[in-house]
Structures are given as structure tokens and as C-alpha cells.
């Protein structure tokens, strides 16, 4: 039978929305198999709602498209793409 130590404290969080871990050491392995089928590490995820919001970023405007009509009343379009999506808000 495996003998394991106590859980360590959770490590500091790895950042906003990140995770922390804790471990426990194997003190003695099972005599028959030499394996320890016990959990030796636990991960705790932090809640994203604790993170400050991050605004999206957009790229430059494209050139205008050709006019939709040859003579009066047409439209031209242009766009810009999102280069970073908003997060946490």
C-alpha cells in the first residue's frame, strides 16, 4: 500500500485567471506493484471574474471598396479587423 505525505499549501496563483497547484510526496510505494495510484498533484483554477477587463484591439482601416453604383447614390465600404478579442468583461 502507498503511503503519502500531507498536501502542501497551494502555490501562488500564476496570474489573472491562472491556476495554483499543491503536491504531496510519496513516502513509500506499494510493495506488490511498486506503483502509487493516488493523486499527487491538485490544480486550482482562479475565477476569470476577478480579472480586470481588457479592451479589444483593432487593426487599421482597409481601403474603401469600389462604389456600388456608377453614377450617384452608391456606397463604399471599409473595415478593420479585431486583432485582440476583449477579455474578462
N, C-alpha and C. Protein backbone atom coordinates (compact mmCIF):
# COMPACT_ATOMS: atom_id res chain seq x y z
N UNK A 1 0.85 -1.19 0.00
CA UNK A 1 0.00 0.00 0.00
C UNK A 1 0.89 1.25 0.00
N UNK A 2 0.46 2.25 -0.75
CA UNK A 2 1.20 3.51 -0.82
C UNK A 2 1.02 4.31 0.46
N UNK A 3 2.06 5.02 0.80
CA UNK A 3 1.99 5.95 1.93
C UNK A 3 2.39 7.31 1.37
N UNK A 4 1.50 8.28 1.53
CA UNK A 4 1.78 9.61 1.00
C UNK A 4 1.75 10.63 2.14
N UNK A 5 2.47 11.71 1.94
CA UNK A 5 2.52 12.77 2.93
C UNK A 5 1.31 13.69 2.84
N UNK A 6 1.33 14.71 3.66
CA UNK A 6 0.26 15.71 3.67
C UNK A 6 0.37 16.61 2.43
N UNK A 7 -0.75 17.23 2.10
CA UNK A 7 -0.74 18.19 0.99
C UNK A 7 0.06 19.42 1.37
N UNK A 8 0.82 19.94 0.43
CA UNK A 8 1.50 21.22 0.64
C UNK A 8 0.46 22.33 0.50
N UNK A 9 0.77 23.54 0.92
CA UNK A 9 -0.14 24.66 0.65
C UNK A 9 -0.18 24.91 -0.87
N UNK A 10 -1.27 25.52 -1.34
CA UNK A 10 -1.34 25.88 -2.76
C UNK A 10 -0.27 26.93 -3.06
N UNK A 11 0.33 26.82 -4.23
CA UNK A 11 1.31 27.80 -4.67
C UNK A 11 0.62 29.11 -4.99
N UNK A 12 1.37 30.21 -5.10
CA UNK A 12 0.73 31.47 -5.52
C UNK A 12 0.12 31.30 -6.91
N UNK A 13 -0.94 32.02 -7.16
CA UNK A 13 -1.61 31.94 -8.46
C UNK A 13 -0.67 32.38 -9.56
N UNK A 14 -0.80 31.73 -10.72
CA UNK A 14 0.09 32.04 -11.84
C UNK A 14 -0.35 33.28 -12.61
N UNK A 15 -1.25 34.04 -12.08
CA UNK A 15 -1.68 35.28 -12.75
C UNK A 15 -3.19 35.32 -12.85
N UNK A 16 -3.66 36.41 -13.39
CA UNK A 16 -5.10 36.63 -13.54
C UNK A 16 -5.72 35.50 -14.35
N UNK A 17 -6.71 34.85 -13.79
CA UNK A 17 -7.35 33.74 -14.48
C UNK A 17 -6.47 32.50 -14.55
N UNK A 18 -5.38 32.50 -13.83
CA UNK A 18 -4.43 31.40 -13.89
C UNK A 18 -4.78 30.29 -12.92
N UNK A 19 -3.77 29.61 -12.45
CA UNK A 19 -4.01 28.49 -11.55
C UNK A 19 -2.89 28.39 -10.53
N UNK A 20 -3.17 27.65 -9.49
CA UNK A 20 -2.15 27.33 -8.50
C UNK A 20 -2.21 25.82 -8.26
N UNK A 21 -1.12 25.28 -7.77
CA UNK A 21 -1.05 23.84 -7.55
C UNK A 21 -0.58 23.53 -6.14
N UNK A 22 -0.86 22.32 -5.73
CA UNK A 22 -0.29 21.81 -4.50
C UNK A 22 0.07 20.34 -4.74
N UNK A 23 1.02 19.85 -4.01
CA UNK A 23 1.50 18.49 -4.21
C UNK A 23 1.63 17.77 -2.87
N UNK A 24 1.77 16.46 -2.97
CA UNK A 24 2.12 15.68 -1.80
C UNK A 24 3.14 14.63 -2.23
N UNK A 25 4.03 14.31 -1.35
CA UNK A 25 5.13 13.39 -1.66
C UNK A 25 4.73 11.95 -1.34
N UNK A 26 5.27 11.04 -2.13
CA UNK A 26 5.10 9.62 -1.85
C UNK A 26 6.18 9.23 -0.85
N UNK A 27 5.76 8.72 0.28
CA UNK A 27 6.70 8.34 1.32
C UNK A 27 7.13 6.88 1.18
N UNK A 28 6.22 6.05 0.70
CA UNK A 28 6.55 4.63 0.47
C UNK A 28 5.66 4.10 -0.65
N UNK A 29 6.25 3.38 -1.59
CA UNK A 29 5.47 2.79 -2.69
C UNK A 29 4.88 1.46 -2.27
N UNK A 30 3.85 1.05 -3.01
CA UNK A 30 3.22 -0.23 -2.73
C UNK A 30 4.20 -1.39 -2.92
N UNK A 31 4.19 -2.32 -2.02
CA UNK A 31 5.14 -3.44 -2.06
C UNK A 31 4.90 -4.36 -3.25
N UNK A 32 3.66 -4.56 -3.65
CA UNK A 32 3.35 -5.51 -4.72
C UNK A 32 3.63 -4.93 -6.10
N UNK A 33 3.11 -3.79 -6.39
CA UNK A 33 3.20 -3.26 -7.75
C UNK A 33 4.29 -2.20 -7.90
N UNK A 34 4.70 -1.58 -6.83
CA UNK A 34 5.67 -0.50 -6.93
C UNK A 34 5.07 0.79 -7.44
N UNK A 35 3.77 0.80 -7.68
CA UNK A 35 3.09 1.99 -8.18
C UNK A 35 2.21 2.59 -7.09
N UNK A 36 1.94 3.88 -7.24
CA UNK A 36 1.04 4.56 -6.31
C UNK A 36 -0.07 5.22 -7.11
N UNK A 37 -1.25 4.62 -7.08
CA UNK A 37 -2.35 5.17 -7.87
C UNK A 37 -3.08 6.32 -7.18
N UNK A 38 -2.39 7.08 -6.38
CA UNK A 38 -3.03 8.19 -5.66
C UNK A 38 -2.72 9.51 -6.37
N UNK A 39 -3.56 10.48 -6.14
CA UNK A 39 -3.35 11.80 -6.71
C UNK A 39 -2.19 12.47 -5.99
N UNK A 40 -1.21 12.90 -6.78
CA UNK A 40 -0.04 13.54 -6.19
C UNK A 40 0.01 15.04 -6.45
N UNK A 41 -0.90 15.53 -7.29
CA UNK A 41 -0.92 16.96 -7.58
C UNK A 41 -2.36 17.40 -7.78
N UNK A 42 -2.69 18.57 -7.27
CA UNK A 42 -4.00 19.16 -7.48
C UNK A 42 -3.82 20.56 -8.05
N UNK A 43 -4.71 20.91 -8.96
CA UNK A 43 -4.67 22.24 -9.60
C UNK A 43 -5.97 22.96 -9.25
N UNK A 44 -5.83 24.22 -8.89
CA UNK A 44 -7.00 25.05 -8.56
C UNK A 44 -7.02 26.21 -9.54
N UNK A 45 -8.12 26.36 -10.25
CA UNK A 45 -8.24 27.46 -11.22
C UNK A 45 -8.85 28.68 -10.54
N UNK A 46 -8.35 29.81 -10.94
CA UNK A 46 -8.88 31.08 -10.41
C UNK A 46 -10.04 31.53 -11.28
N UNK A 47 -10.97 32.25 -10.70
CA UNK A 47 -12.12 32.76 -11.44
C UNK A 47 -11.72 33.93 -12.32
N UNK A 48 -12.19 33.90 -13.59
CA UNK A 48 -11.90 34.99 -14.51
C UNK A 48 -12.55 36.30 -14.08
N UNK A 49 -13.66 36.23 -13.32
CA UNK A 49 -14.33 37.49 -12.94
C UNK A 49 -13.49 38.32 -11.97
N UNK A 50 -12.42 37.76 -11.46
CA UNK A 50 -11.52 38.50 -10.58
C UNK A 50 -10.53 39.35 -11.39
N UNK A 51 -10.48 39.15 -12.70
CA UNK A 51 -9.51 39.83 -13.55
C UNK A 51 -10.05 41.18 -14.02
N UNK A 52 -9.19 42.17 -14.16
CA UNK A 52 -9.65 43.44 -14.73
C UNK A 52 -9.98 43.26 -16.20
N UNK A 53 -10.98 43.96 -16.72
CA UNK A 53 -11.33 43.82 -18.13
C UNK A 53 -10.20 44.29 -19.04
N UNK A 54 -10.09 43.64 -20.18
CA UNK A 54 -9.10 44.00 -21.20
C UNK A 54 -9.86 44.36 -22.46
N UNK A 55 -9.64 45.58 -22.96
CA UNK A 55 -10.32 46.02 -24.17
C UNK A 55 -9.81 45.29 -25.39
N UNK A 56 -10.65 45.22 -26.40
CA UNK A 56 -10.20 44.63 -27.66
C UNK A 56 -9.27 45.62 -28.38
N UNK A 57 -8.52 45.11 -29.31
CA UNK A 57 -7.69 45.94 -30.17
C UNK A 57 -8.13 45.71 -31.61
N UNK A 58 -8.11 46.77 -32.40
CA UNK A 58 -8.48 46.65 -33.81
C UNK A 58 -7.33 47.16 -34.67
N UNK A 59 -7.26 46.59 -35.86
CA UNK A 59 -6.21 46.98 -36.80
C UNK A 59 -6.58 48.26 -37.55
N UNK A 60 -5.78 48.57 -38.54
CA UNK A 60 -6.01 49.76 -39.36
C UNK A 60 -7.20 49.56 -40.29
N UNK A 61 -7.78 50.66 -40.71
CA UNK A 61 -8.87 50.62 -41.68
C UNK A 61 -8.33 50.13 -43.02
N UNK A 62 -9.16 49.35 -43.73
CA UNK A 62 -8.81 48.94 -45.09
C UNK A 62 -9.12 50.09 -46.04
N UNK A 63 -8.70 49.95 -47.29
CA UNK A 63 -9.08 50.92 -48.31
C UNK A 63 -10.57 50.80 -48.57
N UNK A 64 -11.17 51.88 -49.10
CA UNK A 64 -12.58 51.82 -49.47
C UNK A 64 -12.77 50.88 -50.65
N UNK A 65 -13.91 50.18 -50.66
CA UNK A 65 -14.26 49.35 -51.81
C UNK A 65 -14.69 50.26 -52.96
N UNK A 66 -14.82 49.67 -54.13
CA UNK A 66 -15.33 50.43 -55.28
C UNK A 66 -16.77 50.84 -54.99
N UNK A 67 -17.19 51.92 -55.60
CA UNK A 67 -18.54 52.42 -55.41
C UNK A 67 -19.54 51.41 -55.99
N UNK A 68 -20.67 51.24 -55.30
CA UNK A 68 -21.66 50.26 -55.72
C UNK A 68 -22.48 50.70 -56.95
N UNK A 69 -22.43 51.98 -57.29
CA UNK A 69 -23.13 52.49 -58.48
C UNK A 69 -22.17 53.37 -59.28
N UNK A 70 -22.36 53.37 -60.59
CA UNK A 70 -21.51 54.20 -61.43
C UNK A 70 -21.84 55.68 -61.32
N UNK A 71 -23.10 56.01 -61.04
CA UNK A 71 -23.49 57.41 -61.05
C UNK A 71 -24.43 57.72 -59.90
N UNK A 72 -23.95 58.32 -58.84
CA UNK A 72 -24.75 58.81 -57.72
C UNK A 72 -25.45 57.72 -56.91
N UNK A 73 -25.59 57.99 -55.62
CA UNK A 73 -26.37 57.13 -54.74
C UNK A 73 -25.69 55.83 -54.33
N UNK A 74 -24.47 55.60 -54.70
CA UNK A 74 -23.80 54.35 -54.34
C UNK A 74 -23.17 54.42 -52.96
N UNK A 75 -22.62 53.32 -52.56
CA UNK A 75 -21.93 53.27 -51.28
C UNK A 75 -20.55 52.64 -51.45
N UNK A 76 -19.67 53.02 -50.56
CA UNK A 76 -18.36 52.41 -50.46
C UNK A 76 -18.22 51.89 -49.04
N UNK A 77 -17.46 50.84 -48.89
CA UNK A 77 -17.29 50.26 -47.57
C UNK A 77 -15.81 50.10 -47.26
N UNK A 78 -15.53 50.08 -45.97
CA UNK A 78 -14.20 49.72 -45.49
C UNK A 78 -14.36 49.06 -44.14
N UNK A 79 -13.34 48.38 -43.68
CA UNK A 79 -13.45 47.67 -42.41
C UNK A 79 -12.10 47.66 -41.71
N UNK A 80 -12.15 47.23 -40.47
CA UNK A 80 -10.92 46.93 -39.74
C UNK A 80 -11.18 45.70 -38.88
N UNK A 81 -10.18 44.85 -38.78
CA UNK A 81 -10.32 43.57 -38.10
C UNK A 81 -9.93 43.68 -36.64
N UNK A 82 -10.55 42.86 -35.82
CA UNK A 82 -10.18 42.76 -34.41
C UNK A 82 -8.89 41.95 -34.32
N UNK A 83 -7.87 42.53 -33.71
CA UNK A 83 -6.58 41.83 -33.57
C UNK A 83 -6.42 41.20 -32.20
N UNK A 84 -7.20 41.66 -31.22
CA UNK A 84 -7.24 41.02 -29.90
C UNK A 84 -8.66 41.12 -29.37
N UNK A 85 -9.23 40.00 -29.04
CA UNK A 85 -10.61 39.97 -28.51
C UNK A 85 -10.62 40.53 -27.08
N UNK A 86 -11.76 41.12 -26.68
CA UNK A 86 -11.87 41.59 -25.29
C UNK A 86 -11.88 40.40 -24.34
N UNK A 87 -11.43 40.63 -23.12
CA UNK A 87 -11.40 39.57 -22.13
C UNK A 87 -11.93 40.06 -20.79
N UNK A 88 -12.55 39.17 -20.06
CA UNK A 88 -12.97 39.37 -18.68
C UNK A 88 -13.97 40.52 -18.47
N UNK A 89 -14.80 40.75 -19.45
CA UNK A 89 -15.75 41.82 -19.20
C UNK A 89 -16.65 42.13 -20.32
